[in-house]
Amino acid sequence: MSVKETIKSVYYAISNVKNKPATYLYPDKPLPTKVHSRGMLSLDLENCIGCELCYRICPSDAIRMINVDKDKAKFKNNARNEAPAIDFNKCIFCGLCVEICPPHVLHHTHKYDISTDNREDLAYDPFKLNEVFEKIVKPNLDEYGLKEEKPKDNTEKKTTD
């Protein structure tokens, strides 16, 4: 490297000190997600019928059906005693499993940060998927499905004098 190139690179480095950074640190609070974003999957284990359609349609082979203790799962209508387990290492979050599920027990959540130090932690069994459902999805369910958040009306009423 010549002296001219060294001086040139030092000049660029000093001139960029006053500029804003091009990247941002990881946010302290989660970023807002869109209404139809496809985040982590959850499972309503109690209503799963074990039909295996989610397993069959998964293009990345991230879903496998496993036998579950009927008493522990408290199934309402599952003769096979099987429920899906999802490996988020393989999942591409395409949403095909959610769309094909006849009793609509698979749901996308708005949780998208599922990073971990251990790859095995991303393999969710039906009970772990049900915990996600109980914490995130179930509070937002009503008798017709997911509650829609109504936009706030910010228009002010005009009064006549």
N, C-alpha and C. Protein backbone atom coordinates (compact mmCIF):
# COMPACT_ATOMS: atom_id res chain seq x y z
N MET A 1 0.85 -1.17 0.00
CA MET A 1 0.00 0.00 0.00
C MET A 1 0.90 1.24 0.00
N SER A 2 0.62 2.13 -0.90
CA SER A 2 1.45 3.33 -1.02
C SER A 2 1.02 4.38 -0.01
N VAL A 3 1.84 5.39 0.13
CA VAL A 3 1.56 6.48 1.07
C VAL A 3 0.31 7.23 0.63
N LYS A 4 0.14 7.39 -0.68
CA LYS A 4 -1.02 8.10 -1.21
C LYS A 4 -2.32 7.35 -0.86
N GLU A 5 -2.32 6.03 -1.01
CA GLU A 5 -3.51 5.23 -0.69
C GLU A 5 -3.80 5.25 0.81
N THR A 6 -2.77 5.26 1.63
CA THR A 6 -2.94 5.32 3.08
C THR A 6 -3.59 6.64 3.49
N ILE A 7 -3.09 7.74 2.94
CA ILE A 7 -3.64 9.06 3.26
C ILE A 7 -5.10 9.14 2.80
N LYS A 8 -5.37 8.57 1.63
CA LYS A 8 -6.73 8.59 1.08
C LYS A 8 -7.70 7.82 1.99
N SER A 9 -7.29 6.64 2.46
CA SER A 9 -8.17 5.84 3.32
C SER A 9 -8.37 6.50 4.69
N VAL A 10 -7.34 7.14 5.23
CA VAL A 10 -7.49 7.86 6.50
C VAL A 10 -8.44 9.04 6.32
N TYR A 11 -8.36 9.73 5.18
CA TYR A 11 -9.25 10.85 4.89
C TYR A 11 -10.72 10.39 4.86
N TYR A 12 -10.99 9.26 4.17
CA TYR A 12 -12.35 8.73 4.11
C TYR A 12 -12.85 8.30 5.49
N ALA A 13 -11.99 7.72 6.28
CA ALA A 13 -12.38 7.28 7.62
C ALA A 13 -12.75 8.48 8.48
N ILE A 14 -11.95 9.53 8.43
CA ILE A 14 -12.23 10.72 9.24
C ILE A 14 -13.48 11.44 8.74
N SER A 15 -13.68 11.49 7.43
CA SER A 15 -14.86 12.19 6.89
C SER A 15 -16.16 11.44 7.20
N ASN A 16 -16.10 10.14 7.44
CA ASN A 16 -17.31 9.37 7.75
C ASN A 16 -17.66 9.35 9.23
N VAL A 17 -16.84 9.95 10.06
CA VAL A 17 -17.13 9.98 11.50
C VAL A 17 -18.40 10.78 11.78
N LYS A 18 -18.64 11.82 11.02
CA LYS A 18 -19.81 12.68 11.25
C LYS A 18 -21.12 12.07 10.73
N ASN A 19 -21.06 11.04 9.89
CA ASN A 19 -22.26 10.42 9.32
C ASN A 19 -22.94 9.48 10.32
N LYS A 20 -24.22 9.27 10.10
CA LYS A 20 -24.97 8.32 10.93
C LYS A 20 -24.54 6.90 10.57
N PRO A 21 -24.66 5.97 11.52
CA PRO A 21 -24.28 4.59 11.20
C PRO A 21 -25.23 3.98 10.16
N ALA A 22 -24.69 3.09 9.36
CA ALA A 22 -25.49 2.44 8.31
C ALA A 22 -26.28 1.26 8.87
N THR A 23 -25.88 0.73 9.99
CA THR A 23 -26.58 -0.39 10.62
C THR A 23 -27.05 0.02 12.00
N TYR A 24 -27.99 -0.73 12.53
CA TYR A 24 -28.54 -0.44 13.84
C TYR A 24 -28.32 -1.64 14.76
N LEU A 25 -28.20 -1.36 16.02
CA LEU A 25 -28.09 -2.44 16.99
C LEU A 25 -29.43 -3.13 17.12
N TYR A 26 -29.41 -4.32 17.66
CA TYR A 26 -30.65 -5.09 17.85
C TYR A 26 -31.59 -4.27 18.72
N PRO A 27 -32.86 -4.17 18.35
CA PRO A 27 -33.77 -3.28 19.09
C PRO A 27 -34.02 -3.74 20.53
N ASP A 28 -34.17 -2.76 21.41
CA ASP A 28 -34.48 -3.07 22.81
C ASP A 28 -35.88 -3.64 22.94
N LYS A 29 -36.80 -3.12 22.18
CA LYS A 29 -38.16 -3.65 22.19
C LYS A 29 -38.47 -4.22 20.81
N PRO A 30 -39.32 -5.24 20.74
CA PRO A 30 -39.61 -5.87 19.45
C PRO A 30 -40.24 -4.90 18.46
N LEU A 31 -39.90 -5.07 17.21
CA LEU A 31 -40.48 -4.25 16.16
C LEU A 31 -41.92 -4.68 15.92
N PRO A 32 -42.81 -3.75 15.56
CA PRO A 32 -44.21 -4.14 15.30
C PRO A 32 -44.30 -4.99 14.04
N THR A 33 -45.23 -5.93 14.05
CA THR A 33 -45.41 -6.81 12.89
C THR A 33 -46.71 -6.46 12.19
N LYS A 34 -46.81 -6.88 10.95
CA LYS A 34 -48.03 -6.65 10.17
C LYS A 34 -49.11 -7.64 10.63
N VAL A 35 -50.34 -7.38 10.28
CA VAL A 35 -51.47 -8.19 10.71
C VAL A 35 -51.34 -9.63 10.23
N HIS A 36 -50.97 -9.82 8.99
CA HIS A 36 -50.91 -11.17 8.41
C HIS A 36 -49.49 -11.70 8.33
N SER A 37 -48.62 -11.27 9.23
CA SER A 37 -47.25 -11.78 9.20
C SER A 37 -47.23 -13.24 9.66
N ARG A 38 -46.29 -13.99 9.13
CA ARG A 38 -46.21 -15.41 9.43
C ARG A 38 -45.03 -15.65 10.35
N GLY A 39 -45.29 -15.59 11.63
CA GLY A 39 -44.25 -15.84 12.62
C GLY A 39 -44.27 -17.28 13.06
N MET A 40 -43.82 -17.49 14.26
CA MET A 40 -43.73 -18.83 14.83
C MET A 40 -45.10 -19.50 14.85
N LEU A 41 -45.11 -20.81 14.70
CA LEU A 41 -46.36 -21.57 14.71
C LEU A 41 -46.74 -21.98 16.12
N SER A 42 -48.04 -22.11 16.34
CA SER A 42 -48.55 -22.61 17.62
C SER A 42 -49.61 -23.67 17.31
N LEU A 43 -49.92 -24.48 18.31
CA LEU A 43 -50.83 -25.61 18.12
C LEU A 43 -51.85 -25.66 19.25
N ASP A 44 -53.12 -25.72 18.88
CA ASP A 44 -54.20 -25.95 19.84
C ASP A 44 -54.33 -27.47 19.98
N LEU A 45 -53.57 -28.04 20.88
CA LEU A 45 -53.43 -29.49 21.00
C LEU A 45 -54.75 -30.18 21.33
N GLU A 46 -55.56 -29.56 22.13
CA GLU A 46 -56.83 -30.16 22.57
C GLU A 46 -57.75 -30.47 21.39
N ASN A 47 -57.75 -29.62 20.37
CA ASN A 47 -58.66 -29.78 19.24
C ASN A 47 -58.02 -30.43 18.01
N CYS A 48 -56.76 -30.85 18.10
CA CYS A 48 -56.09 -31.50 16.98
C CYS A 48 -56.72 -32.87 16.74
N ILE A 49 -57.00 -33.19 15.46
CA ILE A 49 -57.61 -34.47 15.14
C ILE A 49 -56.60 -35.49 14.61
N GLY A 50 -55.35 -35.11 14.48
CA GLY A 50 -54.30 -36.04 14.04
C GLY A 50 -54.45 -36.49 12.60
N CYS A 51 -54.91 -35.63 11.72
CA CYS A 51 -55.20 -36.02 10.33
C CYS A 51 -53.95 -36.13 9.46
N GLU A 52 -52.84 -35.61 9.90
CA GLU A 52 -51.55 -35.67 9.20
C GLU A 52 -51.49 -34.82 7.94
N LEU A 53 -52.46 -33.97 7.68
CA LEU A 53 -52.41 -33.13 6.48
C LEU A 53 -51.26 -32.12 6.55
N CYS A 54 -51.00 -31.58 7.72
CA CYS A 54 -49.89 -30.64 7.88
C CYS A 54 -48.56 -31.33 7.59
N TYR A 55 -48.43 -32.55 8.05
CA TYR A 55 -47.22 -33.35 7.83
C TYR A 55 -47.03 -33.63 6.34
N ARG A 56 -48.10 -33.93 5.65
CA ARG A 56 -48.00 -34.30 4.23
C ARG A 56 -47.73 -33.11 3.32
N ILE A 57 -48.22 -31.92 3.68
CA ILE A 57 -48.07 -30.77 2.79
C ILE A 57 -46.77 -29.99 3.03
N CYS A 58 -46.10 -30.22 4.12
CA CYS A 58 -44.91 -29.43 4.47
C CYS A 58 -43.79 -29.63 3.43
N PRO A 59 -43.42 -28.57 2.69
CA PRO A 59 -42.42 -28.72 1.64
C PRO A 59 -40.99 -28.89 2.17
N SER A 60 -40.75 -28.47 3.39
CA SER A 60 -39.39 -28.56 3.94
C SER A 60 -39.22 -29.73 4.89
N ASP A 61 -40.25 -30.55 5.03
CA ASP A 61 -40.21 -31.73 5.90
C ASP A 61 -39.89 -31.34 7.35
N ALA A 62 -40.45 -30.22 7.78
CA ALA A 62 -40.21 -29.73 9.14
C ALA A 62 -41.19 -30.31 10.15
N ILE A 63 -42.28 -30.89 9.68
CA ILE A 63 -43.32 -31.42 10.57
C ILE A 63 -43.26 -32.93 10.57
N ARG A 64 -43.33 -33.50 11.76
CA ARG A 64 -43.46 -34.95 11.89
C ARG A 64 -44.55 -35.22 12.91
N MET A 65 -45.25 -36.30 12.71
CA MET A 65 -46.32 -36.67 13.63
C MET A 65 -45.76 -37.61 14.69
N ILE A 66 -46.06 -37.30 15.95
CA ILE A 66 -45.57 -38.15 17.03
C ILE A 66 -46.75 -38.61 17.89
N ASN A 67 -46.60 -39.77 18.49
CA ASN A 67 -47.62 -40.29 19.39
C ASN A 67 -47.59 -39.50 20.69
N VAL A 68 -48.78 -39.18 21.17
CA VAL A 68 -48.91 -38.36 22.37
C VAL A 68 -49.82 -39.10 23.35
N ASP A 69 -49.51 -39.02 24.62
CA ASP A 69 -50.34 -39.62 25.65
C ASP A 69 -51.70 -38.94 25.65
N LYS A 70 -52.74 -39.72 25.44
CA LYS A 70 -54.10 -39.18 25.30
C LYS A 70 -54.55 -38.43 26.56
N ASP A 71 -54.22 -38.95 27.72
CA ASP A 71 -54.64 -38.30 28.96
C ASP A 71 -53.91 -36.97 29.17
N LYS A 72 -52.65 -36.95 28.81
CA LYS A 72 -51.86 -35.73 28.99
C LYS A 72 -52.28 -34.64 28.00
N ALA A 73 -52.63 -35.05 26.78
CA ALA A 73 -53.00 -34.08 25.74
C ALA A 73 -54.44 -33.62 25.85
N LYS A 74 -55.31 -34.40 26.47
CA LYS A 74 -56.73 -34.06 26.62
C LYS A 74 -57.39 -33.80 25.26
N PHE A 75 -57.17 -34.73 24.32
CA PHE A 75 -57.77 -34.62 22.99
C PHE A 75 -59.29 -34.69 23.09
N LYS A 76 -59.96 -33.95 22.23
CA LYS A 76 -61.42 -34.03 22.14
C LYS A 76 -61.83 -35.06 21.10
N ASN A 77 -61.10 -35.11 19.97
CA ASN A 77 -61.51 -35.98 18.87
C ASN A 77 -60.28 -36.42 18.08
N ASN A 78 -59.38 -37.18 18.69
CA ASN A 78 -58.17 -37.63 18.02
C ASN A 78 -58.01 -39.12 18.26
N ALA A 79 -58.48 -39.93 17.33
CA ALA A 79 -58.45 -41.39 17.49
C ALA A 79 -57.04 -41.95 17.36
N ARG A 80 -56.17 -41.27 16.62
CA ARG A 80 -54.81 -41.76 16.39
C ARG A 80 -53.84 -41.42 17.52
N ASN A 81 -54.21 -40.48 18.36
CA ASN A 81 -53.33 -39.98 19.43
C ASN A 81 -52.01 -39.46 18.87
N GLU A 82 -52.07 -38.81 17.73
CA GLU A 82 -50.90 -38.21 17.11
C GLU A 82 -51.09 -36.71 16.99
N ALA A 83 -49.98 -35.99 17.09
CA ALA A 83 -50.00 -34.54 16.94
C ALA A 83 -48.69 -34.11 16.29
N PRO A 84 -48.69 -32.96 15.63
CA PRO A 84 -47.48 -32.52 14.93
C PRO A 84 -46.42 -31.96 15.86
N ALA A 85 -45.18 -32.29 15.55
CA ALA A 85 -44.01 -31.67 16.17
C ALA A 85 -43.31 -30.91 15.05
N ILE A 86 -42.85 -29.71 15.33
CA ILE A 86 -42.27 -28.86 14.28
C ILE A 86 -40.83 -28.53 14.61
N ASP A 87 -39.96 -28.73 13.63
CA ASP A 87 -38.55 -28.37 13.76
C ASP A 87 -38.35 -27.03 13.07
N PHE A 88 -38.17 -25.97 13.85
CA PHE A 88 -38.03 -24.63 13.28
C PHE A 88 -36.68 -24.41 12.61
N ASN A 89 -35.76 -25.37 12.73
CA ASN A 89 -34.53 -25.32 11.94
C ASN A 89 -34.83 -25.52 10.47
N LYS A 90 -35.87 -26.29 10.17
CA LYS A 90 -36.23 -26.62 8.79
C LYS A 90 -37.39 -25.78 8.27
N CYS A 91 -38.23 -25.28 9.14
CA CYS A 91 -39.46 -24.58 8.74
C CYS A 91 -39.14 -23.33 7.92
N ILE A 92 -39.86 -23.15 6.81
CA ILE A 92 -39.67 -21.96 5.98
C ILE A 92 -40.82 -20.96 6.15
N PHE A 93 -41.72 -21.22 7.09
CA PHE A 93 -42.82 -20.32 7.45
C PHE A 93 -43.68 -19.97 6.23
N CYS A 94 -43.97 -20.97 5.41
CA CYS A 94 -44.76 -20.76 4.20
C CYS A 94 -46.26 -20.66 4.51
N GLY A 95 -46.71 -21.28 5.59
CA GLY A 95 -48.11 -21.20 5.98
C GLY A 95 -49.01 -22.25 5.36
N LEU A 96 -48.47 -23.18 4.60
CA LEU A 96 -49.31 -24.22 3.99
C LEU A 96 -49.98 -25.09 5.04
N CYS A 97 -49.27 -25.39 6.11
CA CYS A 97 -49.85 -26.23 7.17
C CYS A 97 -51.02 -25.53 7.85
N VAL A 98 -50.92 -24.23 8.01
CA VAL A 98 -52.00 -23.46 8.64
C VAL A 98 -53.23 -23.45 7.74
N GLU A 99 -53.01 -23.29 6.44
CA GLU A 99 -54.13 -23.22 5.50
C GLU A 99 -54.85 -24.55 5.34
N ILE A 100 -54.13 -25.66 5.38
CA ILE A 100 -54.74 -26.96 5.10
C ILE A 100 -55.36 -27.60 6.34
N CYS A 101 -55.05 -27.12 7.50
CA CYS A 101 -55.53 -27.73 8.75
C CYS A 101 -57.06 -27.63 8.85
N PRO A 102 -57.79 -28.79 8.81
CA PRO A 102 -59.25 -28.73 8.82
C PRO A 102 -59.85 -28.14 10.11
N PRO A 103 -59.36 -28.50 11.30
CA PRO A 103 -59.96 -27.88 12.49
C PRO A 103 -59.32 -26.55 12.87
N HIS A 104 -58.39 -26.06 12.05
CA HIS A 104 -57.72 -24.78 12.28
C HIS A 104 -57.05 -24.71 13.65
N VAL A 105 -56.23 -25.71 13.95
CA VAL A 105 -55.54 -25.73 15.24
C VAL A 105 -54.12 -25.21 15.13
N LEU A 106 -53.59 -25.10 13.92
CA LEU A 106 -52.27 -24.50 13.73
C LEU A 106 -52.46 -23.02 13.43
N HIS A 107 -51.68 -22.18 14.10
CA HIS A 107 -51.79 -20.73 13.93
C HIS A 107 -50.40 -20.13 13.81
N HIS A 108 -50.28 -19.10 12.97
CA HIS A 108 -49.07 -18.29 12.97
C HIS A 108 -49.21 -17.25 14.08
N THR A 109 -48.14 -17.00 14.78
CA THR A 109 -48.14 -15.96 15.80
C THR A 109 -47.34 -14.77 15.27
N HIS A 110 -47.30 -13.71 16.04
CA HIS A 110 -46.49 -12.55 15.69
C HIS A 110 -45.11 -12.64 16.33
N LYS A 111 -44.82 -13.76 16.94
CA LYS A 111 -43.50 -13.96 17.54
C LYS A 111 -42.54 -14.43 16.44
N TYR A 112 -41.53 -13.65 16.18
CA TYR A 112 -40.60 -14.00 15.12
C TYR A 112 -39.18 -14.21 15.64
N ASP A 113 -38.90 -13.83 16.85
CA ASP A 113 -37.55 -13.98 17.40
C ASP A 113 -37.49 -15.28 18.19
N ILE A 114 -37.04 -16.34 17.56
CA ILE A 114 -36.93 -17.63 18.23
C ILE A 114 -35.48 -18.10 18.21
N SER A 115 -34.56 -17.15 18.24
CA SER A 115 -33.15 -17.51 18.20
C SER A 115 -32.72 -18.15 19.51
N THR A 116 -31.73 -19.01 19.42
CA THR A 116 -31.22 -19.73 20.58
C THR A 116 -29.78 -20.14 20.32
N ASP A 117 -29.09 -20.53 21.37
CA ASP A 117 -27.71 -20.99 21.23
C ASP A 117 -27.63 -22.45 20.84
N ASN A 118 -28.71 -23.19 21.07
CA ASN A 118 -28.71 -24.62 20.85
C ASN A 118 -29.74 -24.98 19.78
N ARG A 119 -29.32 -25.69 18.75
CA ARG A 119 -30.24 -26.04 17.66
C ARG A 119 -31.37 -26.95 18.11
N GLU A 120 -31.10 -27.79 19.09
CA GLU A 120 -32.13 -28.72 19.56
C GLU A 120 -33.30 -27.99 20.21
N ASP A 121 -33.06 -26.77 20.69
CA ASP A 121 -34.14 -25.99 21.31
C ASP A 121 -35.19 -25.54 20.30
N LEU A 122 -34.88 -25.61 19.02
CA LEU A 122 -35.82 -25.19 17.99
C LEU A 122 -36.72 -26.32 17.50
N ALA A 123 -36.55 -27.50 18.05
CA ALA A 123 -37.44 -28.63 17.74
C ALA A 123 -38.54 -28.64 18.80
N TYR A 124 -39.74 -28.25 18.40
CA TYR A 124 -40.87 -28.12 19.32
C TYR A 124 -41.76 -29.35 19.23
N ASP A 125 -42.00 -29.97 20.38
CA ASP A 125 -42.96 -31.07 20.43
C ASP A 125 -44.37 -30.48 20.56
N PRO A 126 -45.42 -31.29 20.46
CA PRO A 126 -46.78 -30.74 20.53
C PRO A 126 -47.07 -29.97 21.82
N PHE A 127 -46.49 -30.39 22.92
CA PHE A 127 -46.77 -29.70 24.19
C PHE A 127 -46.11 -28.33 24.23
N LYS A 128 -44.93 -28.22 23.67
CA LYS A 128 -44.26 -26.92 23.62
C LYS A 128 -44.98 -25.98 22.66
N LEU A 129 -45.48 -26.53 21.55
CA LEU A 129 -46.28 -25.72 20.62
C LEU A 129 -47.59 -25.28 21.26
N ASN A 130 -48.16 -26.13 22.11
CA ASN A 130 -49.39 -25.79 22.81
C ASN A 130 -49.15 -24.69 23.84
N GLU A 131 -47.97 -24.67 24.46
CA GLU A 131 -47.64 -23.59 25.39
C GLU A 131 -47.63 -22.25 24.67
N VAL A 132 -47.08 -22.22 23.46
CA VAL A 132 -47.08 -21.00 22.66
C VAL A 132 -48.52 -20.59 22.36
N PHE A 133 -49.37 -21.55 22.03
CA PHE A 133 -50.79 -21.26 21.75
C PHE A 133 -51.46 -20.66 22.99
N GLU A 134 -51.24 -21.27 24.14
CA GLU A 134 -51.89 -20.81 25.38
C GLU A 134 -51.45 -19.40 25.75
N LYS A 135 -50.19 -19.06 25.51
CA LYS A 135 -49.67 -17.75 25.91
C LYS A 135 -49.99 -16.65 24.91
N ILE A 136 -49.93 -16.97 23.62
CA ILE A 136 -50.01 -15.92 22.61
C ILE A 136 -51.34 -15.90 21.87
N VAL A 137 -51.80 -17.04 21.39
CA VAL A 137 -52.98 -17.07 20.51
C VAL A 137 -54.29 -17.11 21.28
N LYS A 138 -54.39 -17.97 22.28
CA LYS A 138 -55.67 -18.17 22.98
C LYS A 138 -56.25 -16.88 23.58
N PRO A 139 -55.44 -15.99 24.16
CA PRO A 139 -56.04 -14.75 24.67
C PRO A 139 -56.68 -13.88 23.59
N ASN A 140 -56.31 -14.10 22.33
CA ASN A 140 -56.86 -13.30 21.24
C ASN A 140 -57.93 -14.04 20.44
N LEU A 141 -58.40 -15.16 20.94
CA LEU A 141 -59.45 -15.90 20.25
C LEU A 141 -60.82 -15.52 20.79
N ASP A 142 -61.78 -15.51 19.91
CA ASP A 142 -63.17 -15.39 20.35
C ASP A 142 -63.93 -16.55 19.72
N GLU A 143 -65.21 -16.58 19.82
CA GLU A 143 -65.98 -17.73 19.34
C GLU A 143 -65.94 -17.87 17.81
N TYR A 144 -65.55 -16.84 17.09
CA TYR A 144 -65.49 -16.92 15.63
C TYR A 144 -64.07 -17.02 15.09
N GLY A 145 -63.09 -17.16 15.95
CA GLY A 145 -61.70 -17.22 15.50
C GLY A 145 -60.91 -16.08 16.10
N LEU A 146 -59.89 -15.65 15.40
CA LEU A 146 -59.04 -14.59 15.92
C LEU A 146 -59.79 -13.27 15.97
N LYS A 147 -59.60 -12.54 17.05
CA LYS A 147 -60.20 -11.23 17.17
C LYS A 147 -59.48 -10.27 16.23
N GLU A 148 -60.22 -9.47 15.55
CA GLU A 148 -59.63 -8.45 14.70
C GLU A 148 -59.48 -7.19 15.53
N GLU A 149 -58.30 -6.61 15.47
CA GLU A 149 -58.10 -5.35 16.17
C GLU A 149 -58.74 -4.25 15.34
N LYS A 150 -59.66 -3.54 15.95
CA LYS A 150 -60.36 -2.47 15.24
C LYS A 150 -59.48 -1.23 15.24
N PRO A 151 -59.35 -0.58 14.08
CA PRO A 151 -58.55 0.65 14.05
C PRO A 151 -59.23 1.74 14.86
N LYS A 152 -58.41 2.51 15.53
CA LYS A 152 -58.95 3.60 16.35
C LYS A 152 -59.42 4.73 15.44
N ASP A 153 -60.57 5.28 15.77
CA ASP A 153 -61.14 6.36 14.99
C ASP A 153 -60.54 7.67 15.48
N ASN A 154 -59.67 8.26 14.68
CA ASN A 154 -58.99 9.50 15.07
C ASN A 154 -59.66 10.74 14.49
N THR A 155 -60.77 10.56 13.82
CA THR A 155 -61.44 11.71 13.23
C THR A 155 -62.26 12.42 14.30
N GLU A 156 -62.15 13.70 14.29
CA GLU A 156 -62.90 14.50 15.26
C GLU A 156 -64.22 14.93 14.63
N LYS A 157 -65.25 14.95 15.44
CA LYS A 157 -66.56 15.39 14.95
C LYS A 157 -66.56 16.91 14.86
N LYS A 158 -67.05 17.38 13.74
CA LYS A 158 -67.12 18.82 13.55
C LYS A 158 -68.41 19.34 14.18
N THR A 159 -68.27 20.38 14.93
CA THR A 159 -69.45 20.98 15.55
C THR A 159 -69.79 22.27 14.82
N THR A 160 -71.05 22.51 14.68
CA THR A 160 -71.50 23.75 14.03
C THR A 160 -71.89 24.74 15.10
N ASP A 161 -71.59 25.99 14.83
CA ASP A 161 -71.91 27.04 15.81
C ASP A 161 -73.32 27.51 15.67
